[in-house]
Amino acid sequence: MKPKIIAFDIDGTTINNYRKVDQSTLNALIDLSKRGYILVPTTGRSLDGIPKPIRDLNICDYAISSNGARITNLRTMEDIDSDLMSTELAIRIVEIVKPYRVWTSLHINGECYDQSWLQKMGRRILFHNDFKSHPTVRDLSSFIKDNNYEVEKIQIFTLSHRKLERVLSELEPLKCISYPMSANRYYEITQEGANKGRSLQILCEHLGLSMDDVFAIGDDSNDIAMLKIAGISVAMGNAHQAVRDAAQFQTEKNTEQGFAHAIYKYVISEDS
């Protein structure tokens, strides 16, 4: 069956190892748009972190961000659905994490807030100014409490795998889900049940479509939920084995124009 929705991950999928978007990827997205496909960046990033070259095309219709915590209509900038951590839960998590002195960031209202200037500078350099710039937030608990924020995602980073394991052991009793983006250094924490698969299902229901109408492509563990239920699913060549097992097909690596290869092989060639 020909898909109607193209759900694509960002990091490790539509960008290369330098976190840049290849021209082949942009060309594939433009071709999909011309053919009438609904384009949906489906990412662990906050909404403001969608890469500028993709945003500037102005051809994406919806976005699923923060690993499924938020679904946004990019034409109207209105949220279709969100699954957020309460103010109280977010503060509790931040307080558990705080003694370990790991780098911590918050996703709130589609934007990312870093705790230190070093994080902020690293994000600016590594992600090529994709994210909106905010003042650093030293006291995350007060920031959440004073503004009565509900939180999309809490991101923690450290070079110490042992420290991450200790943090996670304290978080496990709470009702939240952690996705290991890198087994040695990085975790993302979202409301229980928030994931890309669930959000794609909600978007399909909103549009009167089914998951059979979805082509999904990704490379990491937070993509598994959508790959398992999409009508057509493709794992990048650089994907973890568990991701490959969840997908129907595999394409080349993100350093080998894998996204474009998958689009032309499994979507556009079938549309000719």
C-alpha atoms as a PDB file:
ATOM      1  CA  MET A   1       0.000   0.000   0.000  1.00  0.00           C
ATOM      2  CA  LYS A   2       1.271   3.452  -0.900  1.00  0.00           C
ATOM      3  CA  PRO A   3       1.936   5.504   2.251  1.00  0.00           C
ATOM      4  CA  LYS A   4       0.498   8.972   2.832  1.00  0.00           C
ATOM      5  CA  ILE A   5       2.592  10.047   5.835  1.00  0.00           C
ATOM      6  CA  ILE A   6       6.390  10.125   5.911  1.00  0.00           C
ATOM      7  CA  ALA A   7       7.561  10.063   9.550  1.00  0.00           C
ATOM      8  CA  PHE A   8      11.288  10.655   9.773  1.00  0.00           C
ATOM      9  CA  ASP A   9      13.710  10.822  12.659  1.00  0.00           C
ATOM     10  CA  ILE A  10      16.345  13.581  12.759  1.00  0.00           C
ATOM     11  CA  ASP A  11      19.562  12.632  14.584  1.00  0.00           C
ATOM     12  CA  GLY A  12      21.268   9.686  12.943  1.00  0.00           C
ATOM     13  CA  THR A  13      18.692   9.605  10.144  1.00  0.00           C
ATOM     14  CA  THR A  14      18.209  12.851   8.207  1.00  0.00           C
ATOM     15  CA  ILE A  15      21.466  14.388   9.399  1.00  0.00           C
ATOM     16  CA  ASN A  16      24.996  13.047   9.061  1.00  0.00           C
ATOM     17  CA  ASN A  17      27.599  12.543  11.763  1.00  0.00           C
ATOM     18  CA  TYR A  18      28.426  16.256  11.618  1.00  0.00           C
ATOM     19  CA  ARG A  19      24.771  17.015  12.413  1.00  0.00           C
ATOM     20  CA  LYS A  20      24.276  18.566   9.007  1.00  0.00           C
ATOM     21  CA  VAL A  21      21.530  17.839   6.489  1.00  0.00           C
ATOM     22  CA  ASP A  22      22.841  16.443   3.203  1.00  0.00           C
ATOM     23  CA  GLN A  23      21.535  17.937  -0.010  1.00  0.00           C
ATOM     24  CA  SER A  24      20.316  14.454  -0.986  1.00  0.00           C
ATOM     25  CA  THR A  25      18.024  14.507   2.065  1.00  0.00           C
ATOM     26  CA  LEU A  26      16.645  17.945   1.200  1.00  0.00           C
ATOM     27  CA  ASN A  27      16.056  16.864  -2.408  1.00  0.00           C
ATOM     28  CA  ALA A  28      14.192  13.760  -1.248  1.00  0.00           C
ATOM     29  CA  LEU A  29      11.979  15.815   1.070  1.00  0.00           C
ATOM     30  CA  ILE A  30      11.223  18.287  -1.728  1.00  0.00           C
ATOM     31  CA  ASP A  31      10.303  15.431  -4.086  1.00  0.00           C
ATOM     32  CA  LEU A  32       8.006  13.941  -1.444  1.00  0.00           C
ATOM     33  CA  SER A  33       6.300  17.289  -0.911  1.00  0.00           C
ATOM     34  CA  LYS A  34       5.739  17.783  -4.634  1.00  0.00           C
ATOM     35  CA  ARG A  35       4.069  14.379  -4.737  1.00  0.00           C
ATOM     36  CA  GLY A  36       1.684  15.300  -1.929  1.00  0.00           C
ATOM     37  CA  TYR A  37       3.033  13.264   0.962  1.00  0.00           C
ATOM     38  CA  ILE A  38       2.445  14.497   4.523  1.00  0.00           C
ATOM     39  CA  LEU A  39       5.886  15.159   5.994  1.00  0.00           C
ATOM     40  CA  VAL A  40       6.336  14.684   9.745  1.00  0.00           C
ATOM     41  CA  PRO A  41       9.683  15.181  11.494  1.00  0.00           C
ATOM     42  CA  THR A  42       9.490  12.722  14.398  1.00  0.00           C
ATOM     43  CA  THR A  43      12.277  13.504  16.804  1.00  0.00           C
ATOM     44  CA  GLY A  44      13.634  13.443  20.323  1.00  0.00           C
ATOM     45  CA  ARG A  45      14.542  17.096  19.882  1.00  0.00           C
ATOM     46  CA  SER A  46      12.306  19.889  21.094  1.00  0.00           C
ATOM     47  CA  LEU A  47      10.260  21.553  18.361  1.00  0.00           C
ATOM     48  CA  ASP A  48      12.678  24.467  18.029  1.00  0.00           C
ATOM     49  CA  GLY A  49      15.525  22.026  17.355  1.00  0.00           C
ATOM     50  CA  ILE A  50      14.295  20.809  13.965  1.00  0.00           C
ATOM     51  CA  PRO A  51      17.300  21.550  11.711  1.00  0.00           C
ATOM     52  CA  LYS A  52      17.116  24.935  10.034  1.00  0.00           C
ATOM     53  CA  PRO A  53      17.683  23.582   6.485  1.00  0.00           C
ATOM     54  CA  ILE A  54      14.588  21.395   6.896  1.00  0.00           C
ATOM     55  CA  ARG A  55      12.536  24.147   8.557  1.00  0.00           C
ATOM     56  CA  ASP A  56      13.465  26.606   5.805  1.00  0.00           C
ATOM     57  CA  LEU A  57      11.957  24.333   3.153  1.00  0.00           C
ATOM     58  CA  ASN A  58       8.559  25.093   4.723  1.00  0.00           C
ATOM     59  CA  ILE A  59       7.154  21.820   3.454  1.00  0.00           C
ATOM     60  CA  CYS A  60       6.678  19.841   6.664  1.00  0.00           C
ATOM     61  CA  ASP A  61       3.063  19.603   7.795  1.00  0.00           C
ATOM     62  CA  TYR A  62       3.247  18.282  11.362  1.00  0.00           C
ATOM     63  CA  ALA A  63       5.963  17.531  13.888  1.00  0.00           C
ATOM     64  CA  ILE A  64       6.259  14.999  16.684  1.00  0.00           C
ATOM     65  CA  SER A  65       8.863  16.254  19.136  1.00  0.00           C
ATOM     66  CA  SER A  66      10.445  15.380  22.488  1.00  0.00           C
ATOM     67  CA  ASN A  67      10.103  11.651  21.720  1.00  0.00           C
ATOM     68  CA  GLY A  68       6.353  11.905  21.251  1.00  0.00           C
ATOM     69  CA  ALA A  69       5.470  14.239  24.110  1.00  0.00           C
ATOM     70  CA  ARG A  70       4.151  16.881  21.703  1.00  0.00           C
ATOM     71  CA  ILE A  71       2.355  16.806  18.332  1.00  0.00           C
ATOM     72  CA  THR A  72       2.209  20.127  16.493  1.00  0.00           C
ATOM     73  CA  ASN A  73       0.529  21.381  13.333  1.00  0.00           C
ATOM     74  CA  LEU A  74       3.405  23.276  11.713  1.00  0.00           C
ATOM     75  CA  ARG A  75       1.045  25.322   9.525  1.00  0.00           C
ATOM     76  CA  THR A  76      -0.883  26.793  12.439  1.00  0.00           C
ATOM     77  CA  MET A  77       1.675  26.091  15.217  1.00  0.00           C
ATOM     78  CA  GLU A  78      -1.155  24.670  17.303  1.00  0.00           C
ATOM     79  CA  ASP A  79      -0.680  21.495  19.325  1.00  0.00           C
ATOM     80  CA  ILE A  80      -2.804  18.529  18.365  1.00  0.00           C
ATOM     81  CA  ASP A  81      -1.875  16.571  21.471  1.00  0.00           C
ATOM     82  CA  SER A  82       0.677  16.494  24.272  1.00  0.00           C
ATOM     83  CA  ASP A  83       1.631  14.033  26.987  1.00  0.00           C
ATOM     84  CA  LEU A  84       3.555  16.009  29.584  1.00  0.00           C
ATOM     85  CA  MET A  85       5.078  15.448  32.984  1.00  0.00           C
ATOM     86  CA  SER A  86       3.259  17.336  35.709  1.00  0.00           C
ATOM     87  CA  THR A  87       4.999  20.193  37.495  1.00  0.00           C
ATOM     88  CA  GLU A  88       5.321  18.037  40.606  1.00  0.00           C
ATOM     89  CA  LEU A  89       6.754  15.011  38.801  1.00  0.00           C
ATOM     90  CA  ALA A  90       9.245  17.097  36.832  1.00  0.00           C
ATOM     91  CA  ILE A  91      10.485  18.802  40.008  1.00  0.00           C
ATOM     92  CA  ARG A  92      10.830  15.441  41.744  1.00  0.00           C
ATOM     93  CA  ILE A  93      12.940  14.084  38.894  1.00  0.00           C
ATOM     94  CA  VAL A  94      15.139  17.165  38.804  1.00  0.00           C
ATOM     95  CA  GLU A  95      15.706  16.923  42.556  1.00  0.00           C
ATOM     96  CA  ILE A  96      16.660  13.242  42.273  1.00  0.00           C
ATOM     97  CA  VAL A  97      19.122  14.020  39.499  1.00  0.00           C
ATOM     98  CA  LYS A  98      20.593  17.167  41.086  1.00  0.00           C
ATOM     99  CA  PRO A  99      23.063  15.561  43.577  1.00  0.00           C
ATOM    100  CA  TYR A 100      24.762  13.634  40.777  1.00  0.00           C
ATOM    101  CA  ARG A 101      25.842  16.858  39.041  1.00  0.00           C
ATOM    102  CA  VAL A 102      25.004  15.633  35.554  1.00  0.00           C
ATOM    103  CA  TRP A 103      24.229  18.032  32.733  1.00  0.00           C
ATOM    104  CA  THR A 104      20.477  18.490  32.632  1.00  0.00           C
ATOM    105  CA  SER A 105      18.182  20.132  30.087  1.00  0.00           C
ATOM    106  CA  LEU A 106      14.421  20.678  29.944  1.00  0.00           C
ATOM    107  CA  HIS A 107      12.032  20.637  27.011  1.00  0.00           C
ATOM    108  CA  ILE A 108       9.144  23.013  27.725  1.00  0.00           C
ATOM    109  CA  ASN A 109       6.599  24.481  25.311  1.00  0.00           C
ATOM    110  CA  GLY A 110       8.569  23.284  22.312  1.00  0.00           C
ATOM    111  CA  GLU A 111      11.858  24.820  23.441  1.00  0.00           C
ATOM    112  CA  CYS A 112      15.022  23.563  25.139  1.00  0.00           C
ATOM    113  CA  TYR A 113      16.545  25.079  28.279  1.00  0.00           C
ATOM    114  CA  ASP A 114      20.083  24.229  29.379  1.00  0.00           C
ATOM    115  CA  GLN A 115      21.383  24.343  32.938  1.00  0.00           C
ATOM    116  CA  SER A 116      24.885  25.646  32.284  1.00  0.00           C
ATOM    117  CA  TRP A 117      26.681  27.946  29.868  1.00  0.00           C
ATOM    118  CA  LEU A 118      28.886  25.041  28.801  1.00  0.00           C
ATOM    119  CA  GLN A 119      25.823  23.030  27.753  1.00  0.00           C
ATOM    120  CA  LYS A 120      24.457  26.042  25.934  1.00  0.00           C
ATOM    121  CA  MET A 121      27.702  26.645  24.046  1.00  0.00           C
ATOM    122  CA  GLY A 122      28.053  22.971  23.233  1.00  0.00           C
ATOM    123  CA  ARG A 123      24.508  22.847  21.883  1.00  0.00           C
ATOM    124  CA  ARG A 124      25.101  25.989  19.826  1.00  0.00           C
ATOM    125  CA  ILE A 125      28.280  24.608  18.255  1.00  0.00           C
ATOM    126  CA  LEU A 126      27.329  20.959  17.821  1.00  0.00           C
ATOM    127  CA  PHE A 127      23.817  21.635  16.547  1.00  0.00           C
ATOM    128  CA  HIS A 128      24.692  24.618  14.340  1.00  0.00           C
ATOM    129  CA  ASN A 129      22.318  27.039  16.081  1.00  0.00           C
ATOM    130  CA  ASP A 130      19.310  24.816  15.331  1.00  0.00           C
ATOM    131  CA  PHE A 131      17.869  25.432  18.802  1.00  0.00           C
ATOM    132  CA  LYS A 132      16.504  28.777  19.986  1.00  0.00           C
ATOM    133  CA  SER A 133      18.884  30.507  22.383  1.00  0.00           C
ATOM    134  CA  HIS A 134      17.759  30.999  26.004  1.00  0.00           C
ATOM    135  CA  PRO A 135      19.528  32.210  29.146  1.00  0.00           C
ATOM    136  CA  THR A 136      20.858  29.298  31.164  1.00  0.00           C
ATOM    137  CA  VAL A 137      18.647  28.042  33.998  1.00  0.00           C
ATOM    138  CA  ARG A 138      20.760  27.245  37.046  1.00  0.00           C
ATOM    139  CA  ASP A 139      17.878  26.308  39.353  1.00  0.00           C
ATOM    140  CA  LEU A 140      15.705  23.989  37.313  1.00  0.00           C
ATOM    141  CA  SER A 141      13.299  23.193  40.161  1.00  0.00           C
ATOM    142  CA  SER A 142      12.503  26.846  40.814  1.00  0.00           C
ATOM    143  CA  PHE A 143      12.193  27.502  37.084  1.00  0.00           C
ATOM    144  CA  ILE A 144       9.570  24.766  36.776  1.00  0.00           C
ATOM    145  CA  LYS A 145       7.757  25.660  39.985  1.00  0.00           C
ATOM    146  CA  ASP A 146       7.696  29.443  39.571  1.00  0.00           C
ATOM    147  CA  ASN A 147       6.245  29.150  36.073  1.00  0.00           C
ATOM    148  CA  ASN A 148       4.010  26.169  36.862  1.00  0.00           C
ATOM    149  CA  TYR A 149       5.463  24.419  33.844  1.00  0.00           C
ATOM    150  CA  GLU A 150       4.511  20.977  32.628  1.00  0.00           C
ATOM    151  CA  VAL A 151       7.565  19.385  31.043  1.00  0.00           C
ATOM    152  CA  GLU A 152       7.901  17.468  27.789  1.00  0.00           C
ATOM    153  CA  LYS A 153      11.265  15.891  28.450  1.00  0.00           C
ATOM    154  CA  ILE A 154      14.172  15.965  30.873  1.00  0.00           C
ATOM    155  CA  GLN A 155      17.535  15.173  29.335  1.00  0.00           C
ATOM    156  CA  ILE A 156      20.550  14.100  31.369  1.00  0.00           C
ATOM    157  CA  PHE A 157      24.096  13.706  30.130  1.00  0.00           C
ATOM    158  CA  THR A 158      27.374  12.607  31.696  1.00  0.00           C
ATOM    159  CA  LEU A 159      30.526  10.848  30.574  1.00  0.00           C
ATOM    160  CA  SER A 160      30.231   8.477  33.544  1.00  0.00           C
ATOM    161  CA  HIS A 161      28.182   5.406  32.708  1.00  0.00           C
ATOM    162  CA  ARG A 162      28.282   4.345  36.379  1.00  0.00           C
ATOM    163  CA  LYS A 163      26.771   7.673  37.404  1.00  0.00           C
ATOM    164  CA  LEU A 164      24.000   7.281  34.823  1.00  0.00           C
ATOM    165  CA  GLU A 165      23.197   3.821  36.150  1.00  0.00           C
ATOM    166  CA  ARG A 166      22.875   5.163  39.697  1.00  0.00           C
ATOM    167  CA  VAL A 167      20.608   7.979  38.546  1.00  0.00           C
ATOM    168  CA  LEU A 168      18.421   5.581  36.594  1.00  0.00           C
ATOM    169  CA  SER A 169      18.115   3.195  39.547  1.00  0.00           C
ATOM    170  CA  GLU A 170      16.614   6.059  41.558  1.00  0.00           C
ATOM    171  CA  LEU A 171      14.285   7.089  38.758  1.00  0.00           C
ATOM    172  CA  GLU A 172      12.910   3.610  38.001  1.00  0.00           C
ATOM    173  CA  PRO A 173      10.233   3.676  40.753  1.00  0.00           C
ATOM    174  CA  LEU A 174       8.740   6.826  39.222  1.00  0.00           C
ATOM    175  CA  LYS A 175       6.158   6.718  36.439  1.00  0.00           C
ATOM    176  CA  CYS A 176       8.384   7.841  33.609  1.00  0.00           C
ATOM    177  CA  ILE A 177      10.244   6.262  30.720  1.00  0.00           C
ATOM    178  CA  SER A 178      13.960   6.627  30.002  1.00  0.00           C
ATOM    179  CA  TYR A 179      15.421   6.130  26.524  1.00  0.00           C
ATOM    180  CA  PRO A 180      19.159   5.404  26.357  1.00  0.00           C
ATOM    181  CA  MET A 181      20.353   7.365  23.328  1.00  0.00           C
ATOM    182  CA  SER A 182      23.920   6.324  24.081  1.00  0.00           C
ATOM    183  CA  ALA A 183      24.468   3.521  26.571  1.00  0.00           C
ATOM    184  CA  ASN A 184      27.449   5.307  28.089  1.00  0.00           C
ATOM    185  CA  ARG A 185      26.312   8.881  28.545  1.00  0.00           C
ATOM    186  CA  TYR A 186      22.779   9.971  27.732  1.00  0.00           C
ATOM    187  CA  TYR A 187      19.205   9.447  28.887  1.00  0.00           C
ATOM    188  CA  GLU A 188      15.914  11.091  28.010  1.00  0.00           C
ATOM    189  CA  ILE A 189      13.020  11.026  30.464  1.00  0.00           C
ATOM    190  CA  THR A 190       9.417  11.498  29.406  1.00  0.00           C
ATOM    191  CA  GLN A 191       5.970  10.932  30.796  1.00  0.00           C
ATOM    192  CA  GLU A 192       5.057   7.253  30.908  1.00  0.00           C
ATOM    193  CA  GLY A 193       3.522   6.248  27.588  1.00  0.00           C
ATOM    194  CA  ALA A 194       4.890   9.167  25.586  1.00  0.00           C
ATOM    195  CA  ASN A 195       6.619   7.748  22.532  1.00  0.00           C
ATOM    196  CA  LYS A 196       6.764   8.225  18.787  1.00  0.00           C
ATOM    197  CA  GLY A 197       4.493   5.294  18.028  1.00  0.00           C
ATOM    198  CA  ARG A 198       1.679   6.520  20.247  1.00  0.00           C
ATOM    199  CA  SER A 199       1.922  10.018  18.811  1.00  0.00           C
ATOM    200  CA  LEU A 200       1.836   8.748  15.232  1.00  0.00           C
ATOM    201  CA  GLN A 201      -1.310   6.813  16.043  1.00  0.00           C
ATOM    202  CA  ILE A 202      -2.922   9.955  17.473  1.00  0.00           C
ATOM    203  CA  LEU A 203      -1.895  11.963  14.413  1.00  0.00           C
ATOM    204  CA  CYS A 204      -3.313   9.313  12.093  1.00  0.00           C
ATOM    205  CA  GLU A 205      -6.620   9.353  13.969  1.00  0.00           C
ATOM    206  CA  HIS A 206      -6.660  13.151  13.722  1.00  0.00           C
ATOM    207  CA  LEU A 207      -6.182  12.916   9.949  1.00  0.00           C
ATOM    208  CA  GLY A 208      -8.583  10.013   9.463  1.00  0.00           C
ATOM    209  CA  LEU A 209      -5.774   7.683   8.417  1.00  0.00           C
ATOM    210  CA  SER A 210      -4.336   4.423   9.739  1.00  0.00           C
ATOM    211  CA  MET A 211      -0.834   3.256  10.591  1.00  0.00           C
ATOM    212  CA  ASP A 212      -0.861   1.379   7.283  1.00  0.00           C
ATOM    213  CA  ASP A 213      -0.613   4.828   5.696  1.00  0.00           C
ATOM    214  CA  VAL A 214       2.691   5.573   7.473  1.00  0.00           C
ATOM    215  CA  PHE A 215       6.242   5.201   6.208  1.00  0.00           C
ATOM    216  CA  ALA A 216       8.617   5.510   9.188  1.00  0.00           C
ATOM    217  CA  ILE A 217      12.407   5.644   9.248  1.00  0.00           C
ATOM    218  CA  GLY A 218      14.826   5.892  12.170  1.00  0.00           C
ATOM    219  CA  ASP A 219      18.015   4.671  13.784  1.00  0.00           C
ATOM    220  CA  ASP A 220      17.759   4.611  17.587  1.00  0.00           C
ATOM    221  CA  SER A 221      15.828   3.006  20.422  1.00  0.00           C
ATOM    222  CA  ASN A 222      13.311   5.837  20.626  1.00  0.00           C
ATOM    223  CA  ASP A 223      12.285   4.993  17.042  1.00  0.00           C
ATOM    224  CA  ILE A 224      11.347   1.382  17.781  1.00  0.00           C
ATOM    225  CA  ALA A 225       7.775   2.152  18.870  1.00  0.00           C
ATOM    226  CA  MET A 226       6.938   3.786  15.543  1.00  0.00           C
ATOM    227  CA  LEU A 227       8.858   1.306  13.403  1.00  0.00           C
ATOM    228  CA  LYS A 228       6.976  -1.623  14.902  1.00  0.00           C
ATOM    229  CA  ILE A 229       3.551  -0.280  13.922  1.00  0.00           C
ATOM    230  CA  ALA A 230       4.156   1.660  10.700  1.00  0.00           C
ATOM    231  CA  GLY A 231       2.863   0.255   7.430  1.00  0.00           C
ATOM    232  CA  ILE A 232       6.376   0.528   5.980  1.00  0.00           C
ATOM    233  CA  SER A 233       9.369   0.789   8.313  1.00  0.00           C
ATOM    234  CA  VAL A 234      13.054   1.280   7.526  1.00  0.00           C
ATOM    235  CA  ALA A 235      16.086   1.215   9.820  1.00  0.00           C
ATOM    236  CA  MET A 236      19.172   3.197   8.940  1.00  0.00           C
ATOM    237  CA  GLY A 237      22.379   1.278   8.253  1.00  0.00           C
ATOM    238  CA  ASN A 238      23.866   2.873  11.366  1.00  0.00           C
ATOM    239  CA  ALA A 239      20.953   1.709  13.546  1.00  0.00           C
ATOM    240  CA  HIS A 240      21.325  -0.440  16.648  1.00  0.00           C
ATOM    241  CA  GLN A 241      20.470  -4.118  16.167  1.00  0.00           C
ATOM    242  CA  ALA A 242      17.237  -3.817  18.158  1.00  0.00           C
ATOM    243  CA  VAL A 243      16.124  -1.065  15.785  1.00  0.00           C
ATOM    244  CA  ARG A 244      16.941  -3.181  12.746  1.00  0.00           C
ATOM    245  CA  ASP A 245      14.958  -6.046  14.241  1.00  0.00           C
ATOM    246  CA  ALA A 246      11.933  -3.762  14.653  1.00  0.00           C
ATOM    247  CA  ALA A 247      11.964  -2.550  11.040  1.00  0.00           C
ATOM    248  CA  GLN A 248      10.901  -4.304   7.846  1.00  0.00           C
ATOM    249  CA  PHE A 249      13.756  -2.974   5.736  1.00  0.00           C
ATOM    250  CA  GLN A 250      17.235  -1.530   6.114  1.00  0.00           C
ATOM    251  CA  THR A 251      18.910   1.236   4.140  1.00  0.00           C
ATOM    252  CA  GLU A 252      22.438   2.642   4.012  1.00  0.00           C
ATOM    253  CA  LYS A 253      24.036   4.655   6.821  1.00  0.00           C
ATOM    254  CA  ASN A 254      23.369   8.318   7.488  1.00  0.00           C
ATOM    255  CA  THR A 255      26.865   9.004   6.123  1.00  0.00           C
ATOM    256  CA  GLU A 256      25.939   7.222   2.875  1.00  0.00           C
ATOM    257  CA  GLN A 257      22.749   9.114   1.939  1.00  0.00           C
ATOM    258  CA  GLY A 258      20.712   6.355   3.528  1.00  0.00           C
ATOM    259  CA  PHE A 259      17.603   8.467   4.005  1.00  0.00           C
ATOM    260  CA  ALA A 260      17.427   9.475   0.349  1.00  0.00           C
ATOM    261  CA  HIS A 261      18.092   5.893  -0.789  1.00  0.00           C
ATOM    262  CA  ALA A 262      15.207   4.636   1.351  1.00  0.00           C
ATOM    263  CA  ILE A 263      12.794   7.305   0.123  1.00  0.00           C
ATOM    264  CA  TYR A 264      13.482   6.634  -3.549  1.00  0.00           C
ATOM    265  CA  LYS A 265      13.524   2.853  -3.148  1.00  0.00           C
ATOM    266  CA  TYR A 266      10.502   2.279  -0.899  1.00  0.00           C
ATOM    267  CA  VAL A 267       8.304   5.304  -1.581  1.00  0.00           C
ATOM    268  CA  ILE A 268       8.941   7.261  -4.772  1.00  0.00           C
ATOM    269  CA  SER A 269       9.766   4.249  -6.965  1.00  0.00           C
ATOM    270  CA  GLU A 270       6.392   2.789  -5.964  1.00  0.00           C
ATOM    271  CA  ASP A 271       4.729   6.103  -6.835  1.00  0.00           C
ATOM    272  CA  SER A 272       5.881   6.143 -10.445  1.00  0.00           C
END
